[in-house]
C-alpha atoms as a PDB file:
ATOM      1  CA  MET A   1      97.968 113.562  65.218  1.00  0.00           C
ATOM      2  CA  THR A   2      99.205 111.592  68.231  1.00  0.00           C
ATOM      3  CA  GLN A   3      97.798 108.154  68.976  1.00  0.00           C
ATOM      4  CA  ALA A   4      97.157 107.367  72.628  1.00  0.00           C
ATOM      5  CA  VAL A   5      97.809 103.635  72.226  1.00  0.00           C
ATOM      6  CA  ARG A   6     101.272 102.396  71.265  1.00  0.00           C
ATOM      7  CA  GLU A   7     100.997 100.074  68.283  1.00  0.00           C
ATOM      8  CA  ALA A   8     103.415  97.665  66.682  1.00  0.00           C
ATOM      9  CA  ALA A   9     103.534  95.742  63.420  1.00  0.00           C
ATOM     10  CA  LEU A  10     105.773  92.820  62.517  1.00  0.00           C
ATOM     11  CA  ARG A  11     108.256  93.607  59.759  1.00  0.00           C
ATOM     12  CA  PRO A  12     107.809  91.229  56.800  1.00  0.00           C
ATOM     13  CA  ALA A  13     111.525  90.321  56.904  1.00  0.00           C
ATOM     14  CA  ALA A  14     111.074  88.992  60.457  1.00  0.00           C
ATOM     15  CA  ALA A  15     107.917  86.964  59.780  1.00  0.00           C
ATOM     16  CA  GLY A  16     109.848  83.684  59.920  1.00  0.00           C
ATOM     17  CA  PHE A  17     110.717  84.323  63.582  1.00  0.00           C
ATOM     18  CA  TYR A  18     107.044  84.796  64.530  1.00  0.00           C
ATOM     19  CA  PRO A  19     104.915  82.423  62.400  1.00  0.00           C
ATOM     20  CA  PHE A  20     101.970  83.024  64.732  1.00  0.00           C
ATOM     21  CA  LEU A  21     101.807  86.780  63.905  1.00  0.00           C
ATOM     22  CA  PRO A  22     100.660  88.427  60.668  1.00  0.00           C
ATOM     23  CA  ALA A  23     103.172  90.844  59.119  1.00  0.00           C
ATOM     24  CA  ARG A  24     102.337  94.544  58.698  1.00  0.00           C
ATOM     25  CA  MET A  25      99.165  94.335  60.818  1.00  0.00           C
ATOM     26  CA  TRP A  26      99.095  97.206  63.356  1.00  0.00           C
ATOM     27  CA  THR A  27      98.112  95.898  66.790  1.00  0.00           C
ATOM     28  CA  ALA A  28      98.375  97.219  70.338  1.00  0.00           C
ATOM     29  CA  ALA A  29     102.028  96.773  71.308  1.00  0.00           C
ATOM     30  CA  ALA A  30     101.010  95.509  74.753  1.00  0.00           C
ATOM     31  CA  HIS A  31      99.033  92.679  73.152  1.00  0.00           C
ATOM     32  CA  LEU A  32     101.895  91.703  70.844  1.00  0.00           C
ATOM     33  CA  THR A  33     104.269  91.807  73.810  1.00  0.00           C
ATOM     34  CA  GLU A  34     102.078  89.313  75.663  1.00  0.00           C
ATOM     35  CA  LEU A  35     101.913  86.976  72.651  1.00  0.00           C
ATOM     36  CA  VAL A  36     105.657  87.054  71.984  1.00  0.00           C
ATOM     37  CA  ALA A  37     106.535  86.703  75.679  1.00  0.00           C
ATOM     38  CA  ARG A  38     104.173  83.746  76.024  1.00  0.00           C
ATOM     39  CA  ASP A  39     105.782  82.095  72.983  1.00  0.00           C
ATOM     40  CA  ARG A  40     109.219  82.595  74.590  1.00  0.00           C
ATOM     41  CA  GLY A  41     108.023  81.305  77.951  1.00  0.00           C
ATOM     42  CA  ILE A  42     108.635  84.558  79.834  1.00  0.00           C
ATOM     43  CA  CYS A  43     106.434  86.976  81.731  1.00  0.00           C
ATOM     44  CA  ALA A  44     105.925  90.148  79.653  1.00  0.00           C
ATOM     45  CA  LYS A  45     105.682  92.286  82.795  1.00  0.00           C
ATOM     46  CA  ALA A  46     109.079  91.020  83.949  1.00  0.00           C
ATOM     47  CA  ALA A  47     110.836  92.165  80.773  1.00  0.00           C
ATOM     48  CA  SER A  48     113.010  95.197  81.410  1.00  0.00           C
ATOM     49  CA  ARG A  49     113.456  98.111  79.001  1.00  0.00           C
ATOM     50  CA  ALA A  50     117.021  96.917  78.380  1.00  0.00           C
ATOM     51  CA  ASN A  51     115.676  93.526  77.275  1.00  0.00           C
ATOM     52  CA  ARG A  52     112.550  94.519  75.375  1.00  0.00           C
ATOM     53  CA  VAL A  53     110.305  91.754  74.133  1.00  0.00           C
ATOM     54  CA  LEU A  54     109.559  93.514  70.824  1.00  0.00           C
ATOM     55  CA  SER A  55     112.788  94.536  69.101  1.00  0.00           C
ATOM     56  CA  ASP A  56     113.122  97.462  66.704  1.00  0.00           C
ATOM     57  CA  ALA A  57     114.785  95.072  64.264  1.00  0.00           C
ATOM     58  CA  HIS A  58     111.659  92.910  64.031  1.00  0.00           C
ATOM     59  CA  PHE A  59     108.824  95.373  64.698  1.00  0.00           C
ATOM     60  CA  MET A  60     107.702  98.832  63.551  1.00  0.00           C
ATOM     61  CA  PHE A  61     106.121 101.161  66.119  1.00  0.00           C
ATOM     62  CA  ARG A  62     103.741 104.115  66.097  1.00  0.00           C
ATOM     63  CA  GLY A  63     101.690 106.161  68.560  1.00  0.00           C
ATOM     64  CA  GLY A  64     101.756 106.130  72.329  1.00  0.00           C
ATOM     65  CA  GLY A  65     103.387 109.464  73.007  1.00  0.00           C
ATOM     66  CA  GLU A  66     107.116 110.012  72.547  1.00  0.00           C
ATOM     67  CA  GLN A  67     108.651 108.776  69.337  1.00  0.00           C
ATOM     68  CA  LYS A  68     112.329 107.861  69.225  1.00  0.00           C
ATOM     69  CA  THR A  69     114.313 109.571  66.493  1.00  0.00           C
ATOM     70  CA  GLY A  70     114.819 107.198  63.606  1.00  0.00           C
ATOM     71  CA  THR A  71     111.894 104.952  64.471  1.00  0.00           C
ATOM     72  CA  SER A  72     110.612 103.266  61.333  1.00  0.00           C
ATOM     73  CA  ARG A  73     107.054 103.680  60.192  1.00  0.00           C
ATOM     74  CA  ALA A  74     105.123 101.606  57.715  1.00  0.00           C
ATOM     75  CA  PRO A  75     104.310 103.363  54.482  1.00  0.00           C
ATOM     76  CA  GLY A  76     100.815 104.584  54.677  1.00  0.00           C
END
């Protein structure tokens, strides 16, 4: 089953970098991008794909169409 909305969840190991976000809580990636960008003082819409606001090292992703090979998923 494919989800239409791209979601992201903060990895527990990265929780210290984002004390304002709960770990492992799946949320619309666009919303998390806005929160993280605001915390960093940047415009989320100005972030390029090469300089993504939500890194694979800190966040897990699911849904939203194409999945990259090797993308981590939370156990479910």
